[in-house]
Amino acid sequence: PQVMGFLPQRSPEALQRQATTSRKGRTRPANLREQVDENAVKLWPTPTTMDNLKPRDNKKLREWNNSRDGRKNRVALSNLREAVCDPAYQQKWPTPKTPTGGGQTERTTPGGGIRKLEDAVSADIGMNTGQLNPTWVEWLMRWPLNWTSLEPIGGIIGLGWDSDPADTDEIPRVAKGVKDRVNRLKALGNGQVPQCVVAAWGILGGKG
């Protein structure tokens, strides 16, 4: 794994072109992201503070993808708000994170976080079904449910990762009229997955 691992995988055509020109004789890609099967390890995009934005409709997504400034070779949406509605993401989702500072280049920089997780959620089912649900993102990050809400926390504090609560309609991925939705998603985008923090603490502590 390396810092360039956040980049999207290249197309089969691009890999073949590299193997026959600039990387002649190489029998496999040099980076981990292209050595693994993209269909087997596809993850939800990381939640970011940008996931509070309104998802694009299918027409705009196609125009963006085909434009000169778009991502012609991108095989999947990079933000959670649109990925949650894309059938290609129905097994895993992108990670929430906070943006590092603006513009199209944000999509290619590390830490571009809740980087429109919502894009991935709403792309395929249309925009009239709602927007990215912060309670579902809390489950995705393994936070207590409704932790970012100013309302009292209900009876269900947390759910495991063994199954997606959206598949049983327990916690929908998209919803309408969610109070403080924007601020809740920003808080999630600036947050951490507790299990990752614990794991990092243990690893770093063991080295000290």
N, C-alpha and C. Protein backbone atom coordinates (compact mmCIF):
# COMPACT_ATOMS: atom_id res chain seq x y z
N PRO A 1 0.83 -1.20 0.00
CA PRO A 1 0.00 0.00 0.00
C PRO A 1 0.87 1.25 0.00
N GLN A 2 0.42 2.32 -0.65
CA GLN A 2 1.17 3.56 -0.72
C GLN A 2 0.22 4.73 -0.84
N VAL A 3 0.78 5.95 -0.76
CA VAL A 3 -0.07 7.14 -0.77
C VAL A 3 -0.84 7.31 -2.07
N MET A 4 -0.38 6.68 -3.15
CA MET A 4 -1.08 6.79 -4.43
C MET A 4 -2.22 5.78 -4.54
N GLY A 5 -2.43 5.01 -3.49
CA GLY A 5 -3.46 3.98 -3.54
C GLY A 5 -4.87 4.52 -3.62
N PHE A 6 -5.07 5.83 -3.36
CA PHE A 6 -6.41 6.39 -3.42
C PHE A 6 -6.88 6.61 -4.85
N LEU A 7 -5.96 6.58 -5.82
CA LEU A 7 -6.33 6.83 -7.21
C LEU A 7 -7.19 5.70 -7.75
N PRO A 8 -8.07 6.01 -8.73
CA PRO A 8 -8.88 4.94 -9.32
C PRO A 8 -8.02 4.01 -10.16
N GLN A 9 -8.47 2.77 -10.30
CA GLN A 9 -7.74 1.83 -11.12
C GLN A 9 -7.83 2.23 -12.59
N ARG A 10 -6.76 1.94 -13.33
CA ARG A 10 -6.79 2.22 -14.76
C ARG A 10 -7.60 1.18 -15.50
N SER A 11 -8.05 1.56 -16.68
CA SER A 11 -8.83 0.64 -17.49
C SER A 11 -7.93 -0.48 -18.01
N PRO A 12 -8.52 -1.63 -18.41
CA PRO A 12 -7.72 -2.71 -18.99
C PRO A 12 -6.91 -2.24 -20.20
N GLU A 13 -7.50 -1.34 -21.00
CA GLU A 13 -6.79 -0.83 -22.18
C GLU A 13 -5.55 -0.03 -21.77
N ALA A 14 -5.70 0.80 -20.72
CA ALA A 14 -4.57 1.61 -20.25
C ALA A 14 -3.46 0.73 -19.68
N LEU A 15 -3.84 -0.31 -18.95
CA LEU A 15 -2.85 -1.23 -18.39
C LEU A 15 -2.11 -1.98 -19.49
N GLN A 16 -2.85 -2.39 -20.52
CA GLN A 16 -2.23 -3.10 -21.63
C GLN A 16 -1.27 -2.19 -22.38
N ARG A 17 -1.67 -0.93 -22.56
CA ARG A 17 -0.82 0.04 -23.25
C ARG A 17 0.47 0.27 -22.46
N GLN A 18 0.36 0.37 -21.13
CA GLN A 18 1.55 0.56 -20.30
C GLN A 18 2.47 -0.65 -20.38
N ALA A 19 1.88 -1.84 -20.37
CA ALA A 19 2.68 -3.07 -20.38
C ALA A 19 3.43 -3.28 -21.69
N THR A 20 2.96 -2.64 -22.76
CA THR A 20 3.60 -2.82 -24.06
C THR A 20 4.44 -1.62 -24.48
N THR A 21 4.48 -0.58 -23.65
CA THR A 21 5.28 0.62 -24.00
C THR A 21 6.25 0.96 -22.87
N SER A 22 5.80 1.79 -21.93
CA SER A 22 6.71 2.29 -20.90
C SER A 22 7.10 1.25 -19.86
N ARG A 23 6.32 0.16 -19.72
CA ARG A 23 6.64 -0.86 -18.72
C ARG A 23 6.77 -2.23 -19.37
N LYS A 24 7.49 -2.29 -20.47
CA LYS A 24 7.66 -3.56 -21.18
C LYS A 24 8.33 -4.59 -20.28
N GLY A 25 7.82 -5.80 -20.32
CA GLY A 25 8.42 -6.88 -19.54
C GLY A 25 7.83 -7.04 -18.16
N ARG A 26 7.08 -6.04 -17.70
CA ARG A 26 6.47 -6.15 -16.37
C ARG A 26 5.29 -7.13 -16.45
N THR A 27 5.25 -8.07 -15.53
CA THR A 27 4.22 -9.11 -15.59
C THR A 27 2.97 -8.77 -14.79
N ARG A 28 3.06 -7.76 -13.93
CA ARG A 28 1.88 -7.35 -13.16
C ARG A 28 2.04 -5.90 -12.74
N PRO A 29 0.94 -5.20 -12.39
CA PRO A 29 1.05 -3.80 -11.97
C PRO A 29 1.93 -3.66 -10.73
N ALA A 30 2.54 -2.49 -10.59
CA ALA A 30 3.44 -2.27 -9.45
C ALA A 30 2.70 -1.79 -8.22
N ASN A 31 1.43 -1.41 -8.34
CA ASN A 31 0.70 -0.89 -7.20
C ASN A 31 -0.40 -1.85 -6.76
N LEU A 32 -0.72 -1.78 -5.47
CA LEU A 32 -1.67 -2.72 -4.88
C LEU A 32 -3.07 -2.53 -5.44
N ARG A 33 -3.46 -1.27 -5.71
CA ARG A 33 -4.84 -1.02 -6.13
C ARG A 33 -5.18 -1.72 -7.44
N GLU A 34 -4.15 -1.99 -8.27
CA GLU A 34 -4.42 -2.65 -9.54
C GLU A 34 -4.04 -4.13 -9.53
N GLN A 35 -3.42 -4.58 -8.43
CA GLN A 35 -3.14 -6.01 -8.31
C GLN A 35 -4.35 -6.77 -7.76
N VAL A 36 -5.23 -6.04 -7.10
CA VAL A 36 -6.41 -6.70 -6.54
C VAL A 36 -7.56 -6.63 -7.52
N ASP A 37 -8.53 -7.49 -7.35
CA ASP A 37 -9.70 -7.53 -8.22
C ASP A 37 -10.62 -6.38 -7.85
N GLU A 38 -10.85 -5.47 -8.77
CA GLU A 38 -11.64 -4.28 -8.45
C GLU A 38 -13.07 -4.61 -8.07
N ASN A 39 -13.63 -5.70 -8.59
CA ASN A 39 -15.00 -6.04 -8.27
C ASN A 39 -15.11 -6.68 -6.89
N ALA A 40 -14.04 -7.34 -6.46
CA ALA A 40 -14.09 -8.04 -5.18
C ALA A 40 -13.84 -7.10 -4.01
N VAL A 41 -13.12 -5.99 -4.24
CA VAL A 41 -12.73 -5.15 -3.12
C VAL A 41 -13.33 -3.75 -3.19
N LYS A 42 -14.31 -3.55 -4.04
CA LYS A 42 -14.89 -2.22 -4.19
C LYS A 42 -15.49 -1.76 -2.86
N LEU A 43 -15.13 -0.56 -2.41
CA LEU A 43 -15.58 -0.04 -1.13
C LEU A 43 -16.47 1.17 -1.33
N TRP A 44 -17.28 1.45 -0.32
CA TRP A 44 -18.03 2.70 -0.35
C TRP A 44 -17.04 3.86 -0.28
N PRO A 45 -17.34 4.98 -0.95
CA PRO A 45 -16.49 6.15 -0.84
C PRO A 45 -16.46 6.65 0.61
N THR A 46 -15.37 7.28 0.98
CA THR A 46 -15.25 7.82 2.33
C THR A 46 -16.20 8.99 2.52
N PRO A 47 -16.98 9.03 3.62
CA PRO A 47 -17.81 10.20 3.90
C PRO A 47 -16.95 11.45 4.05
N THR A 48 -17.39 12.55 3.49
CA THR A 48 -16.68 13.81 3.61
C THR A 48 -17.66 14.92 3.93
N THR A 49 -17.15 16.10 4.28
CA THR A 49 -18.03 17.23 4.58
C THR A 49 -18.77 17.71 3.35
N MET A 50 -18.36 17.28 2.16
CA MET A 50 -19.05 17.68 0.93
C MET A 50 -20.29 16.84 0.66
N ASP A 51 -20.54 15.84 1.46
CA ASP A 51 -21.69 14.97 1.22
C ASP A 51 -23.02 15.63 1.52
N ASN A 52 -22.97 16.84 2.08
CA ASN A 52 -24.23 17.55 2.31
C ASN A 52 -24.77 18.17 1.03
N LEU A 53 -23.95 18.19 -0.04
CA LEU A 53 -24.38 18.78 -1.30
C LEU A 53 -25.47 17.95 -1.97
N LYS A 54 -26.24 18.59 -2.84
CA LYS A 54 -27.29 17.88 -3.56
C LYS A 54 -26.67 16.98 -4.62
N PRO A 55 -27.08 15.73 -4.70
CA PRO A 55 -26.53 14.83 -5.72
C PRO A 55 -26.88 15.30 -7.12
N ARG A 56 -26.05 14.96 -8.07
CA ARG A 56 -26.33 15.28 -9.47
C ARG A 56 -27.30 14.26 -10.05
N ASP A 57 -28.08 14.70 -11.06
CA ASP A 57 -28.96 13.74 -11.70
C ASP A 57 -28.17 12.94 -12.74
N ASN A 58 -28.79 11.91 -13.30
CA ASN A 58 -28.10 11.01 -14.22
C ASN A 58 -27.53 11.74 -15.43
N LYS A 59 -28.29 12.71 -15.95
CA LYS A 59 -27.83 13.45 -17.13
C LYS A 59 -26.55 14.22 -16.82
N LYS A 60 -26.52 14.91 -15.68
CA LYS A 60 -25.34 15.69 -15.30
C LYS A 60 -24.15 14.79 -15.02
N LEU A 61 -24.41 13.63 -14.43
CA LEU A 61 -23.32 12.69 -14.18
C LEU A 61 -22.70 12.21 -15.48
N ARG A 62 -23.54 11.92 -16.47
CA ARG A 62 -23.02 11.48 -17.77
C ARG A 62 -22.23 12.59 -18.43
N GLU A 63 -22.75 13.83 -18.37
CA GLU A 63 -22.05 14.97 -18.97
C GLU A 63 -20.70 15.18 -18.30
N TRP A 64 -20.67 15.09 -16.97
CA TRP A 64 -19.41 15.28 -16.23
C TRP A 64 -18.42 14.19 -16.58
N ASN A 65 -18.89 12.97 -16.67
CA ASN A 65 -18.00 11.84 -16.93
C ASN A 65 -17.42 11.89 -18.34
N ASN A 66 -18.18 12.44 -19.29
CA ASN A 66 -17.73 12.47 -20.68
C ASN A 66 -17.02 13.76 -21.06
N SER A 67 -16.99 14.74 -20.16
CA SER A 67 -16.40 16.03 -20.50
C SER A 67 -14.88 15.96 -20.51
N ARG A 68 -14.28 16.97 -21.11
CA ARG A 68 -12.81 17.04 -21.17
C ARG A 68 -12.22 17.14 -19.77
N ASP A 69 -12.91 17.85 -18.87
CA ASP A 69 -12.39 18.03 -17.52
C ASP A 69 -12.87 16.95 -16.55
N GLY A 70 -13.68 16.00 -17.06
CA GLY A 70 -14.21 14.95 -16.20
C GLY A 70 -13.24 13.82 -15.99
N ARG A 71 -13.76 12.67 -15.61
CA ARG A 71 -12.93 11.50 -15.35
C ARG A 71 -13.35 10.39 -16.31
N LYS A 72 -12.87 10.47 -17.56
CA LYS A 72 -13.35 9.56 -18.60
C LYS A 72 -13.08 8.10 -18.27
N ASN A 73 -12.00 7.81 -17.56
CA ASN A 73 -11.65 6.42 -17.28
C ASN A 73 -12.10 5.95 -15.90
N ARG A 74 -12.82 6.81 -15.19
CA ARG A 74 -13.26 6.43 -13.85
C ARG A 74 -14.35 5.37 -13.96
N VAL A 75 -14.19 4.30 -13.22
CA VAL A 75 -15.14 3.19 -13.31
C VAL A 75 -16.22 3.27 -12.23
N ALA A 76 -16.08 4.18 -11.27
CA ALA A 76 -17.08 4.27 -10.20
C ALA A 76 -17.10 5.68 -9.64
N LEU A 77 -18.20 6.04 -9.00
CA LEU A 77 -18.33 7.35 -8.37
C LEU A 77 -17.40 7.45 -7.17
N SER A 78 -16.87 8.66 -6.94
CA SER A 78 -15.89 8.81 -5.87
C SER A 78 -16.51 9.40 -4.61
N ASN A 79 -17.81 9.71 -4.62
CA ASN A 79 -18.41 10.30 -3.44
C ASN A 79 -19.59 9.46 -2.96
N LEU A 80 -19.83 9.49 -1.66
CA LEU A 80 -20.81 8.61 -1.05
C LEU A 80 -22.23 9.03 -1.35
N ARG A 81 -22.49 10.35 -1.46
CA ARG A 81 -23.88 10.78 -1.60
C ARG A 81 -24.51 10.29 -2.90
N GLU A 82 -23.68 10.05 -3.93
CA GLU A 82 -24.21 9.51 -5.18
C GLU A 82 -23.97 8.01 -5.30
N ALA A 83 -22.96 7.51 -4.61
CA ALA A 83 -22.64 6.08 -4.71
C ALA A 83 -23.69 5.21 -4.06
N VAL A 84 -24.40 5.74 -3.05
CA VAL A 84 -25.37 4.89 -2.35
C VAL A 84 -26.54 4.50 -3.24
N CYS A 85 -26.70 5.17 -4.36
CA CYS A 85 -27.77 4.82 -5.28
C CYS A 85 -27.26 4.10 -6.51
N ASP A 86 -25.97 3.83 -6.56
CA ASP A 86 -25.37 3.15 -7.72
C ASP A 86 -25.33 1.66 -7.44
N PRO A 87 -25.97 0.84 -8.27
CA PRO A 87 -25.97 -0.61 -8.04
C PRO A 87 -24.57 -1.19 -7.93
N ALA A 88 -23.59 -0.56 -8.58
CA ALA A 88 -22.22 -1.08 -8.54
C ALA A 88 -21.64 -1.03 -7.14
N TYR A 89 -22.25 -0.18 -6.27
CA TYR A 89 -21.72 -0.01 -4.92
C TYR A 89 -22.55 -0.74 -3.87
N GLN A 90 -23.50 -1.54 -4.26
CA GLN A 90 -24.42 -2.09 -3.28
C GLN A 90 -23.78 -3.04 -2.28
N GLN A 91 -22.51 -3.42 -2.47
CA GLN A 91 -21.84 -4.27 -1.49
C GLN A 91 -21.01 -3.46 -0.50
N LYS A 92 -20.30 -2.47 -0.96
CA LYS A 92 -19.43 -1.68 -0.08
C LYS A 92 -19.60 -0.20 -0.46
N TRP A 93 -19.19 0.71 0.43
CA TRP A 93 -19.37 2.15 0.17
C TRP A 93 -18.07 2.95 0.32
N PRO A 94 -18.02 4.18 -0.30
CA PRO A 94 -16.87 5.06 -0.16
C PRO A 94 -16.75 5.65 1.24
N THR A 95 -15.54 6.10 1.61
CA THR A 95 -15.26 6.56 2.98
C THR A 95 -15.54 8.05 3.18
N PRO A 96 -16.12 8.46 4.32
CA PRO A 96 -16.37 9.87 4.60
C PRO A 96 -15.09 10.59 4.97
N LYS A 97 -14.90 11.79 4.49
CA LYS A 97 -13.74 12.58 4.89
C LYS A 97 -13.99 14.04 4.64
N THR A 98 -13.14 14.89 5.20
CA THR A 98 -13.32 16.33 5.03
C THR A 98 -12.43 16.82 3.90
N PRO A 99 -12.90 17.76 3.07
CA PRO A 99 -12.10 18.20 1.94
C PRO A 99 -10.85 18.95 2.37
N THR A 100 -9.81 18.88 1.55
CA THR A 100 -8.57 19.58 1.86
C THR A 100 -8.52 20.94 1.19
N GLY A 101 -9.53 21.27 0.40
CA GLY A 101 -9.55 22.61 -0.13
C GLY A 101 -9.83 22.80 -1.58
N GLY A 102 -10.98 22.42 -2.02
CA GLY A 102 -11.60 23.01 -3.19
C GLY A 102 -11.30 22.50 -4.57
N GLY A 103 -12.32 22.65 -5.42
CA GLY A 103 -12.14 22.45 -6.85
C GLY A 103 -12.11 21.01 -7.29
N GLN A 104 -12.02 20.84 -8.62
CA GLN A 104 -11.98 19.51 -9.19
C GLN A 104 -10.77 18.72 -8.70
N THR A 105 -9.65 19.43 -8.43
CA THR A 105 -8.46 18.72 -7.98
C THR A 105 -8.70 18.03 -6.65
N GLU A 106 -9.70 18.50 -5.90
CA GLU A 106 -10.02 17.88 -4.61
C GLU A 106 -10.29 16.40 -4.76
N ARG A 107 -10.83 16.02 -5.91
CA ARG A 107 -11.20 14.63 -6.11
C ARG A 107 -9.98 13.73 -6.26
N THR A 108 -8.81 14.29 -6.51
CA THR A 108 -7.63 13.47 -6.71
C THR A 108 -6.61 13.63 -5.59
N THR A 109 -7.02 14.28 -4.49
CA THR A 109 -6.08 14.48 -3.39
C THR A 109 -6.47 13.62 -2.19
N PRO A 110 -5.47 13.16 -1.41
CA PRO A 110 -5.79 12.40 -0.22
C PRO A 110 -6.55 13.30 0.75
N GLY A 111 -7.41 12.76 1.55
CA GLY A 111 -8.17 13.55 2.51
C GLY A 111 -9.32 14.29 1.87
N GLY A 112 -9.68 13.97 0.65
CA GLY A 112 -10.81 14.62 0.00
C GLY A 112 -12.12 14.09 0.51
N GLY A 113 -12.15 13.44 1.53
CA GLY A 113 -13.11 12.79 2.35
C GLY A 113 -14.57 12.66 2.04
N ILE A 114 -15.55 13.14 2.91
CA ILE A 114 -16.99 12.89 2.64
C ILE A 114 -17.18 13.40 1.27
N ARG A 115 -16.23 13.31 0.53
CA ARG A 115 -16.15 13.75 -0.84
C ARG A 115 -17.36 13.27 -1.61
N LYS A 116 -18.45 13.94 -1.36
CA LYS A 116 -19.67 13.64 -2.09
C LYS A 116 -20.03 12.17 -2.05
N LEU A 117 -19.99 11.62 -0.87
CA LEU A 117 -20.45 10.25 -0.66
C LEU A 117 -21.87 10.16 -1.22
N GLU A 118 -22.53 11.30 -1.17
CA GLU A 118 -23.91 11.36 -1.62
C GLU A 118 -24.03 11.13 -3.12
N ASP A 119 -23.01 11.51 -3.88
CA ASP A 119 -23.05 11.28 -5.32
C ASP A 119 -23.29 9.80 -5.60
N ALA A 120 -22.58 8.97 -4.85
CA ALA A 120 -22.68 7.54 -5.07
C ALA A 120 -24.03 7.00 -4.66
N VAL A 121 -24.68 7.68 -3.73
CA VAL A 121 -25.94 7.18 -3.20
C VAL A 121 -27.11 7.39 -4.14
N SER A 122 -27.15 8.52 -4.83
CA SER A 122 -28.36 8.88 -5.56
C SER A 122 -28.26 8.81 -7.06
N ALA A 123 -27.14 8.38 -7.59
CA ALA A 123 -26.93 8.46 -9.04
C ALA A 123 -27.92 7.66 -9.85
N ASP A 124 -28.26 6.49 -9.39
CA ASP A 124 -29.04 5.61 -10.24
C ASP A 124 -30.54 5.65 -9.99
N ILE A 125 -30.96 5.98 -8.76
CA ILE A 125 -32.39 5.90 -8.48
C ILE A 125 -33.08 7.24 -8.63
N GLY A 126 -32.33 8.29 -9.00
CA GLY A 126 -32.96 9.58 -9.23
C GLY A 126 -32.90 10.47 -8.00
N MET A 127 -33.18 11.76 -8.20
CA MET A 127 -33.01 12.72 -7.14
C MET A 127 -34.26 12.92 -6.29
N ASN A 128 -35.40 12.32 -6.68
CA ASN A 128 -36.63 12.56 -5.94
C ASN A 128 -36.80 11.60 -4.78
N THR A 129 -35.81 10.78 -4.53
CA THR A 129 -35.91 9.78 -3.47
C THR A 129 -35.30 10.26 -2.16
N GLY A 130 -34.68 11.40 -2.14
CA GLY A 130 -34.06 11.91 -0.93
C GLY A 130 -32.58 12.14 -1.12
N GLN A 131 -31.92 12.49 -0.01
CA GLN A 131 -30.48 12.75 -0.02
C GLN A 131 -29.82 11.89 1.05
N LEU A 132 -28.50 11.85 1.00
CA LEU A 132 -27.73 10.99 1.89
C LEU A 132 -28.18 11.14 3.34
N ASN A 133 -28.45 10.02 3.97
CA ASN A 133 -28.98 9.99 5.33
C ASN A 133 -27.82 9.93 6.34
N PRO A 134 -27.65 10.96 7.19
CA PRO A 134 -26.52 10.96 8.14
C PRO A 134 -26.57 9.80 9.13
N THR A 135 -27.76 9.32 9.45
CA THR A 135 -27.85 8.19 10.38
C THR A 135 -27.24 6.94 9.76
N TRP A 136 -27.45 6.77 8.45
CA TRP A 136 -26.84 5.63 7.76
C TRP A 136 -25.32 5.78 7.73
N VAL A 137 -24.83 7.00 7.55
CA VAL A 137 -23.39 7.24 7.55
C VAL A 137 -22.81 6.96 8.94
N GLU A 138 -23.56 7.28 9.99
CA GLU A 138 -23.12 6.93 11.35
C GLU A 138 -22.95 5.42 11.48
N TRP A 139 -23.90 4.66 10.94
CA TRP A 139 -23.74 3.20 10.97
C TRP A 139 -22.50 2.79 10.18
N LEU A 140 -22.31 3.41 9.01
CA LEU A 140 -21.18 3.08 8.14
C LEU A 140 -19.85 3.30 8.86
N MET A 141 -19.78 4.36 9.67
CA MET A 141 -18.55 4.69 10.39
C MET A 141 -18.50 4.04 11.78
N ARG A 142 -19.56 3.31 12.11
CA ARG A 142 -19.66 2.60 13.40
C ARG A 142 -19.74 3.57 14.58
N TRP A 143 -20.41 4.70 14.35
CA TRP A 143 -20.73 5.63 15.43
C TRP A 143 -22.06 5.21 16.05
N PRO A 144 -22.34 5.62 17.30
CA PRO A 144 -23.68 5.40 17.85
C PRO A 144 -24.72 6.08 16.95
N LEU A 145 -25.83 5.41 16.70
CA LEU A 145 -26.84 5.97 15.81
C LEU A 145 -27.42 7.26 16.38
N ASN A 146 -27.55 8.28 15.53
CA ASN A 146 -28.04 9.61 15.90
C ASN A 146 -27.08 10.37 16.82
N TRP A 147 -25.82 9.97 16.82
CA TRP A 147 -24.80 10.63 17.64
C TRP A 147 -24.63 12.10 17.25
N THR A 148 -24.80 12.42 15.99
CA THR A 148 -24.61 13.80 15.53
C THR A 148 -25.90 14.61 15.59
N SER A 149 -27.00 13.99 15.99
CA SER A 149 -28.28 14.69 16.09
C SER A 149 -28.40 15.39 17.44
N LEU A 150 -29.10 16.54 17.45
CA LEU A 150 -29.35 17.24 18.70
C LEU A 150 -30.53 16.64 19.46
N GLU A 151 -31.25 15.73 18.80
CA GLU A 151 -32.37 15.06 19.45
C GLU A 151 -31.86 13.93 20.35
N PRO A 152 -32.64 13.53 21.35
CA PRO A 152 -32.23 12.41 22.23
C PRO A 152 -31.99 11.14 21.42
N ILE A 153 -30.95 10.41 21.77
CA ILE A 153 -30.65 9.15 21.09
C ILE A 153 -31.71 8.12 21.45
N GLY A 154 -32.18 7.39 20.44
CA GLY A 154 -33.25 6.42 20.65
C GLY A 154 -32.77 5.13 21.27
N GLY A 155 -33.59 4.10 21.17
CA GLY A 155 -33.29 2.83 21.82
C GLY A 155 -32.16 2.07 21.17
N ILE A 156 -32.04 2.14 19.83
CA ILE A 156 -30.97 1.41 19.14
C ILE A 156 -29.72 2.28 19.10
N ILE A 157 -28.69 1.88 19.81
CA ILE A 157 -27.47 2.68 19.88
C ILE A 157 -26.54 2.38 18.71
N GLY A 158 -26.40 1.12 18.37
CA GLY A 158 -25.48 0.76 17.30
C GLY A 158 -25.85 -0.55 16.66
N LEU A 159 -25.43 -0.74 15.43
CA LEU A 159 -25.66 -1.98 14.70
C LEU A 159 -24.34 -2.47 14.14
N GLY A 160 -24.19 -3.77 14.02
CA GLY A 160 -22.94 -4.33 13.51
C GLY A 160 -22.79 -4.15 12.01
N TRP A 161 -21.63 -4.50 11.53
CA TRP A 161 -21.33 -4.39 10.10
C TRP A 161 -21.64 -5.68 9.34
N ASP A 162 -22.22 -6.65 10.03
CA ASP A 162 -22.46 -7.92 9.36
C ASP A 162 -23.51 -7.82 8.26
N SER A 163 -24.40 -6.83 8.36
CA SER A 163 -25.38 -6.60 7.31
C SER A 163 -25.71 -5.12 7.23
N ASP A 164 -26.09 -4.66 6.05
CA ASP A 164 -26.40 -3.25 5.82
C ASP A 164 -27.86 -3.00 6.22
N PRO A 165 -28.11 -2.12 7.22
CA PRO A 165 -29.49 -1.87 7.65
C PRO A 165 -30.37 -1.26 6.57
N ALA A 166 -29.75 -0.71 5.52
CA ALA A 166 -30.54 -0.17 4.41
C ALA A 166 -31.20 -1.29 3.62
N ASP A 167 -30.60 -2.47 3.64
CA ASP A 167 -31.16 -3.59 2.88
C ASP A 167 -32.46 -4.10 3.49
N THR A 168 -32.69 -3.80 4.77
CA THR A 168 -33.92 -4.21 5.43
C THR A 168 -34.81 -3.01 5.75
N ASP A 169 -34.46 -1.85 5.19
CA ASP A 169 -35.22 -0.60 5.40
C ASP A 169 -35.19 -0.14 6.86
N GLU A 170 -34.27 -0.66 7.64
CA GLU A 170 -34.15 -0.22 9.03
C GLU A 170 -33.56 1.18 9.11
N ILE A 171 -32.52 1.42 8.32
CA ILE A 171 -31.92 2.75 8.20
C ILE A 171 -31.69 3.01 6.71
N PRO A 172 -32.52 3.80 6.05
CA PRO A 172 -32.35 4.03 4.61
C PRO A 172 -31.09 4.82 4.31
N ARG A 173 -30.50 4.57 3.16
CA ARG A 173 -29.30 5.31 2.76
C ARG A 173 -29.63 6.76 2.40
N VAL A 174 -30.80 6.96 1.81
CA VAL A 174 -31.23 8.32 1.47
C VAL A 174 -32.55 8.59 2.17
N ALA A 175 -32.79 9.87 2.51
CA ALA A 175 -34.01 10.23 3.22
C ALA A 175 -34.35 11.68 2.92
N LYS A 176 -35.59 12.04 3.19
CA LYS A 176 -36.06 13.41 3.00
C LYS A 176 -36.35 14.05 4.35
N GLY A 177 -36.13 15.38 4.41
CA GLY A 177 -36.51 16.14 5.59
C GLY A 177 -35.75 15.81 6.86
N VAL A 178 -34.51 15.37 6.74
CA VAL A 178 -33.71 15.05 7.94
C VAL A 178 -33.23 16.35 8.58
N LYS A 179 -33.57 16.55 9.82
CA LYS A 179 -33.21 17.78 10.53
C LYS A 179 -31.69 17.88 10.70
N ASP A 180 -31.15 19.07 10.42
CA ASP A 180 -29.70 19.33 10.57
C ASP A 180 -28.85 18.39 9.73
N ARG A 181 -29.38 17.93 8.61
CA ARG A 181 -28.67 16.97 7.77
C ARG A 181 -27.29 17.47 7.35
N VAL A 182 -27.22 18.73 6.90
CA VAL A 182 -25.96 19.29 6.40
C VAL A 182 -24.90 19.30 7.50
N ASN A 183 -25.26 19.85 8.67
CA ASN A 183 -24.28 19.94 9.76
C ASN A 183 -23.89 18.56 10.29
N ARG A 184 -24.82 17.64 10.28
CA ARG A 184 -24.50 16.28 10.74
C ARG A 184 -23.49 15.61 9.80
N LEU A 185 -23.70 15.80 8.49
CA LEU A 185 -22.77 15.21 7.53
C LEU A 185 -21.39 15.86 7.61
N LYS A 186 -21.36 17.16 7.88
CA LYS A 186 -20.08 17.84 8.05
C LYS A 186 -19.33 17.28 9.26
N ALA A 187 -20.08 17.06 10.34
CA ALA A 187 -19.45 16.49 11.55
C ALA A 187 -18.90 15.10 11.26
N LEU A 188 -19.66 14.31 10.52
CA LEU A 188 -19.20 12.96 10.18
C LEU A 188 -17.98 13.02 9.27
N GLY A 189 -17.98 13.96 8.34
CA GLY A 189 -16.85 14.11 7.43
C GLY A 189 -15.57 14.52 8.13
N ASN A 190 -15.72 15.20 9.26
CA ASN A 190 -14.55 15.61 10.04
C ASN A 190 -14.17 14.58 11.09
N GLY A 191 -14.93 13.49 11.17
CA GLY A 191 -14.70 12.50 12.21
C GLY A 191 -13.84 11.34 11.77
N GLN A 192 -13.67 10.39 12.66
CA GLN A 192 -12.86 9.20 12.42
C GLN A 192 -13.70 7.95 12.70
N VAL A 193 -13.32 6.84 12.09
CA VAL A 193 -13.93 5.56 12.41
C VAL A 193 -13.26 5.05 13.69
N PRO A 194 -14.00 4.92 14.80
CA PRO A 194 -13.38 4.55 16.08
C PRO A 194 -12.51 3.30 16.01
N GLN A 195 -12.98 2.27 15.28
CA GLN A 195 -12.20 1.03 15.19
C GLN A 195 -10.84 1.27 14.56
N CYS A 196 -10.78 2.18 13.60
CA CYS A 196 -9.50 2.49 12.95
C CYS A 196 -8.56 3.21 13.91
N VAL A 197 -9.13 4.10 14.72
CA VAL A 197 -8.32 4.83 15.71
C VAL A 197 -7.75 3.85 16.73
N VAL A 198 -8.59 2.92 17.21
CA VAL A 198 -8.13 1.92 18.19
C VAL A 198 -7.02 1.07 17.60
N ALA A 199 -7.22 0.64 16.35
CA ALA A 199 -6.20 -0.20 15.70
C ALA A 199 -4.89 0.56 15.54
N ALA A 200 -4.98 1.83 15.11
CA ALA A 200 -3.78 2.64 14.93
C ALA A 200 -3.06 2.86 16.26
N TRP A 201 -3.85 3.12 17.31
CA TRP A 201 -3.26 3.33 18.64
C TRP A 201 -2.49 2.09 19.09
N GLY A 202 -3.10 0.93 18.86
CA GLY A 202 -2.44 -0.31 19.27
C GLY A 202 -1.16 -0.56 18.50
N ILE A 203 -1.20 -0.30 17.19
CA ILE A 203 -0.02 -0.53 16.35
C ILE A 203 1.10 0.44 16.73
N LEU A 204 0.75 1.73 16.82
CA LEU A 204 1.76 2.74 17.15
C LEU A 204 2.28 2.57 18.57
N GLY A 205 1.37 2.22 19.49
CA GLY A 205 1.78 2.01 20.87
C GLY A 205 2.71 0.83 21.02
N GLY A 206 2.48 -0.20 20.22
CA GLY A 206 3.32 -1.38 20.29
C GLY A 206 4.72 -1.12 19.79
N LYS A 207 4.85 -0.15 18.87
CA LYS A 207 6.18 0.18 18.34
C LYS A 207 6.96 1.06 19.30
N GLY A 208 6.23 1.75 20.19
CA GLY A 208 6.91 2.67 21.10
C GLY A 208 7.48 1.93 22.23
